[in-house]
C-alpha atoms as a PDB file:
ATOM      1  CA  UNK A   1       0.000   0.000   0.000  1.00  0.00           C
ATOM      2  CA  UNK A   2       1.401   3.377  -1.008  1.00  0.00           C
ATOM      3  CA  UNK A   3      -1.531   5.681  -0.209  1.00  0.00           C
ATOM      4  CA  UNK A   4      -4.216   5.941   2.423  1.00  0.00           C
ATOM      5  CA  UNK A   5      -7.195   8.276   2.863  1.00  0.00           C
ATOM      6  CA  UNK A   6      -8.384   8.815   6.415  1.00  0.00           C
ATOM      7  CA  UNK A   7     -11.151  10.637   8.266  1.00  0.00           C
ATOM      8  CA  UNK A   8     -10.102  12.223  11.536  1.00  0.00           C
ATOM      9  CA  UNK A   9     -13.217  13.161  13.546  1.00  0.00           C
ATOM     10  CA  UNK A  10     -13.937  16.237  15.574  1.00  0.00           C
ATOM     11  CA  UNK A  11     -14.521  15.614  19.270  1.00  0.00           C
ATOM     12  CA  UNK A  12     -16.581  16.918  22.139  1.00  0.00           C
ATOM     13  CA  UNK A  13     -14.980  16.622  25.550  1.00  0.00           C
ATOM     14  CA  UNK A  14     -15.757  17.788  29.063  1.00  0.00           C
ATOM     15  CA  UNK A  15     -18.775  15.499  29.236  1.00  0.00           C
ATOM     16  CA  UNK A  16     -20.713  15.564  32.511  1.00  0.00           C
ATOM     17  CA  UNK A  17     -18.798  14.445  35.576  1.00  0.00           C
ATOM     18  CA  UNK A  18     -15.916  13.076  33.477  1.00  0.00           C
ATOM     19  CA  UNK A  19     -14.485  16.532  32.753  1.00  0.00           C
ATOM     20  CA  UNK A  20     -11.913  16.134  29.921  1.00  0.00           C
ATOM     21  CA  UNK A  21     -11.492  12.413  30.599  1.00  0.00           C
ATOM     22  CA  UNK A  22     -14.734  11.541  28.818  1.00  0.00           C
ATOM     23  CA  UNK A  23     -15.230  12.572  25.221  1.00  0.00           C
ATOM     24  CA  UNK A  24     -17.186  11.751  22.102  1.00  0.00           C
ATOM     25  CA  UNK A  25     -16.163  11.539  18.453  1.00  0.00           C
ATOM     26  CA  UNK A  26     -18.448  13.207  15.937  1.00  0.00           C
ATOM     27  CA  UNK A  27     -19.055  11.113  12.853  1.00  0.00           C
ATOM     28  CA  UNK A  28     -20.242  13.959  10.638  1.00  0.00           C
ATOM     29  CA  UNK A  29     -17.555  16.588  11.304  1.00  0.00           C
ATOM     30  CA  UNK A  30     -13.878  15.945  10.752  1.00  0.00           C
ATOM     31  CA  UNK A  31     -10.816  16.372   8.603  1.00  0.00           C
ATOM     32  CA  UNK A  32      -9.814  14.210   5.697  1.00  0.00           C
ATOM     33  CA  UNK A  33      -6.198  13.430   4.918  1.00  0.00           C
ATOM     34  CA  UNK A  34      -4.495  11.659   2.041  1.00  0.00           C
ATOM     35  CA  UNK A  35      -1.062  10.348   2.911  1.00  0.00           C
ATOM     36  CA  UNK A  36       1.230   8.662   0.427  1.00  0.00           C
ATOM     37  CA  UNK A  37       4.721   7.223   0.380  1.00  0.00           C
ATOM     38  CA  UNK A  38       7.232   8.979  -1.851  1.00  0.00           C
ATOM     39  CA  UNK A  39      10.778   8.208  -2.905  1.00  0.00           C
ATOM     40  CA  UNK A  40      11.992  11.580  -1.571  1.00  0.00           C
ATOM     41  CA  UNK A  41      12.829  11.377   2.128  1.00  0.00           C
ATOM     42  CA  UNK A  42      11.070  13.607   4.661  1.00  0.00           C
ATOM     43  CA  UNK A  43       7.577  14.931   5.312  1.00  0.00           C
ATOM     44  CA  UNK A  44       5.885  17.291   2.853  1.00  0.00           C
ATOM     45  CA  UNK A  45       2.459  18.877   2.606  1.00  0.00           C
ATOM     46  CA  UNK A  46       1.315  19.199  -0.986  1.00  0.00           C
ATOM     47  CA  UNK A  47      -2.094  20.696  -0.258  1.00  0.00           C
ATOM     48  CA  UNK A  48      -4.066  22.119   2.633  1.00  0.00           C
ATOM     49  CA  UNK A  49      -7.636  23.194   1.915  1.00  0.00           C
ATOM     50  CA  UNK A  50     -10.261  24.700   4.177  1.00  0.00           C
ATOM     51  CA  UNK A  51      -8.146  26.930   6.396  1.00  0.00           C
ATOM     52  CA  UNK A  52      -4.885  28.818   5.957  1.00  0.00           C
ATOM     53  CA  UNK A  53      -2.351  26.570   7.691  1.00  0.00           C
ATOM     54  CA  UNK A  54       1.426  26.388   7.175  1.00  0.00           C
ATOM     55  CA  UNK A  55       2.819  23.956   4.599  1.00  0.00           C
ATOM     56  CA  UNK A  56       6.106  23.775   6.528  1.00  0.00           C
ATOM     57  CA  UNK A  57       5.921  20.551   8.608  1.00  0.00           C
ATOM     58  CA  UNK A  58       7.909  22.153  11.438  1.00  0.00           C
ATOM     59  CA  UNK A  59       5.187  24.800  11.808  1.00  0.00           C
ATOM     60  CA  UNK A  60       2.137  22.573  11.408  1.00  0.00           C
ATOM     61  CA  UNK A  61       0.581  20.361  14.103  1.00  0.00           C
ATOM     62  CA  UNK A  62       0.204  17.385  11.743  1.00  0.00           C
ATOM     63  CA  UNK A  63       3.771  17.908  10.561  1.00  0.00           C
ATOM     64  CA  UNK A  64       5.281  18.075  14.041  1.00  0.00           C
ATOM     65  CA  UNK A  65       3.596  14.781  14.960  1.00  0.00           C
ATOM     66  CA  UNK A  66       4.599  13.205  11.661  1.00  0.00           C
ATOM     67  CA  UNK A  67       8.215  14.327  12.048  1.00  0.00           C
ATOM     68  CA  UNK A  68       8.393  12.799  15.535  1.00  0.00           C
ATOM     69  CA  UNK A  69       7.256   9.472  14.122  1.00  0.00           C
ATOM     70  CA  UNK A  70       9.439   9.794  11.018  1.00  0.00           C
ATOM     71  CA  UNK A  71      12.543  10.412  13.164  1.00  0.00           C
ATOM     72  CA  UNK A  72      11.754   7.303  15.232  1.00  0.00           C
ATOM     73  CA  UNK A  73      11.411   5.117  12.128  1.00  0.00           C
ATOM     74  CA  UNK A  74      14.016   6.786   9.881  1.00  0.00           C
ATOM     75  CA  UNK A  75      12.756   5.130   6.664  1.00  0.00           C
ATOM     76  CA  UNK A  76      14.549   5.384   3.329  1.00  0.00           C
ATOM     77  CA  UNK A  77      11.476   7.049   1.796  1.00  0.00           C
ATOM     78  CA  UNK A  78       9.198   9.945   2.678  1.00  0.00           C
ATOM     79  CA  UNK A  79       5.552  10.917   3.004  1.00  0.00           C
ATOM     80  CA  UNK A  80       3.405  13.491   1.218  1.00  0.00           C
ATOM     81  CA  UNK A  81       0.204  14.695   2.822  1.00  0.00           C
ATOM     82  CA  UNK A  82      -2.908  16.509   1.714  1.00  0.00           C
ATOM     83  CA  UNK A  83      -5.194  17.922   4.390  1.00  0.00           C
ATOM     84  CA  UNK A  84      -8.822  18.812   3.768  1.00  0.00           C
ATOM     85  CA  UNK A  85      -9.393  20.760   6.970  1.00  0.00           C
ATOM     86  CA  UNK A  86     -13.065  20.892   7.908  1.00  0.00           C
ATOM     87  CA  UNK A  87     -12.622  21.498  11.638  1.00  0.00           C
ATOM     88  CA  UNK A  88     -12.062  25.189  12.270  1.00  0.00           C
ATOM     89  CA  UNK A  89      -8.840  25.789  14.221  1.00  0.00           C
ATOM     90  CA  UNK A  90      -9.593  27.172  17.681  1.00  0.00           C
ATOM     91  CA  UNK A  91     -13.205  25.970  17.571  1.00  0.00           C
ATOM     92  CA  UNK A  92     -12.852  23.772  20.659  1.00  0.00           C
ATOM     93  CA  UNK A  93     -13.817  20.550  18.904  1.00  0.00           C
ATOM     94  CA  UNK A  94     -10.394  18.997  18.471  1.00  0.00           C
ATOM     95  CA  UNK A  95      -8.967  20.627  15.360  1.00  0.00           C
ATOM     96  CA  UNK A  96      -5.335  20.227  16.402  1.00  0.00           C
ATOM     97  CA  UNK A  97      -5.915  16.733  17.784  1.00  0.00           C
ATOM     98  CA  UNK A  98      -7.476  15.612  14.503  1.00  0.00           C
ATOM     99  CA  UNK A  99      -4.393  16.830  12.640  1.00  0.00           C
ATOM    100  CA  UNK A 100      -1.899  15.368  15.105  1.00  0.00           C
ATOM    101  CA  UNK A 101      -3.561  11.971  15.287  1.00  0.00           C
ATOM    102  CA  UNK A 102      -4.462  11.785  11.608  1.00  0.00           C
ATOM    103  CA  UNK A 103      -0.916  12.184  10.341  1.00  0.00           C
ATOM    104  CA  UNK A 104       0.594   9.490  12.569  1.00  0.00           C
ATOM    105  CA  UNK A 105      -2.326   7.086  12.138  1.00  0.00           C
ATOM    106  CA  UNK A 106      -2.050   7.278   8.359  1.00  0.00           C
ATOM    107  CA  UNK A 107       1.725   6.905   8.354  1.00  0.00           C
ATOM    108  CA  UNK A 108       1.463   3.920  10.701  1.00  0.00           C
ATOM    109  CA  UNK A 109      -0.909   2.214   8.258  1.00  0.00           C
ATOM    110  CA  UNK A 110       1.520   2.746   5.365  1.00  0.00           C
ATOM    111  CA  UNK A 111       4.385   1.391   7.484  1.00  0.00           C
ATOM    112  CA  UNK A 112       2.490  -1.836   8.214  1.00  0.00           C
ATOM    113  CA  UNK A 113       1.304  -0.835  11.717  1.00  0.00           C
ATOM    114  CA  UNK A 114       4.581  -1.057  13.662  1.00  0.00           C
ATOM    115  CA  UNK A 115       3.268   1.143  16.491  1.00  0.00           C
ATOM    116  CA  UNK A 116       0.453   0.512  18.948  1.00  0.00           C
ATOM    117  CA  UNK A 117      -2.061   3.155  20.057  1.00  0.00           C
ATOM    118  CA  UNK A 118       0.038   4.129  23.068  1.00  0.00           C
ATOM    119  CA  UNK A 119       3.087   4.906  20.947  1.00  0.00           C
ATOM    120  CA  UNK A 120       0.980   6.730  18.340  1.00  0.00           C
ATOM    121  CA  UNK A 121      -0.373   8.877  21.168  1.00  0.00           C
ATOM    122  CA  UNK A 122       3.191   9.774  22.182  1.00  0.00           C
ATOM    123  CA  UNK A 123       3.900  11.036  18.647  1.00  0.00           C
ATOM    124  CA  UNK A 124       0.583  12.913  18.476  1.00  0.00           C
ATOM    125  CA  UNK A 125       1.299  14.605  21.798  1.00  0.00           C
ATOM    126  CA  UNK A 126       4.317  16.296  20.164  1.00  0.00           C
ATOM    127  CA  UNK A 127       1.932  18.028  17.781  1.00  0.00           C
ATOM    128  CA  UNK A 128      -0.470  18.950  20.570  1.00  0.00           C
ATOM    129  CA  UNK A 129       2.417  20.429  22.575  1.00  0.00           C
ATOM    130  CA  UNK A 130       3.301  22.546  19.532  1.00  0.00           C
ATOM    131  CA  UNK A 131      -0.328  23.698  19.253  1.00  0.00           C
ATOM    132  CA  UNK A 132      -0.305  24.730  22.907  1.00  0.00           C
ATOM    133  CA  UNK A 133       2.585  27.192  22.531  1.00  0.00           C
END
């Protein structure tokens, strides 16, 4: 497999007595990403639609997460990503989380699933930390 298309849902957290521990995924609102392997090493964004976000992976939540995973794997190929951003940044429904998780989930699929959910979360947290600056 050289390409994957994913849906990364928006979320609602702070549910009842669970505070931010309990949350819900929304099945009708979310971002779509297309991630593909390329012969050129590194992480590149070829398209971002919906909102004006940086194409530089070092300045993009999805890119920061992806770079953390890429550095851990150090493959002899790279990844290109397209983001169709449908969750408004700053809206409070998980825009940055959808980007952070989406990039590493898609890459993990293309790598043959070498990482479990716990490790994927560690990579995604790098992107969330960047978003929190």
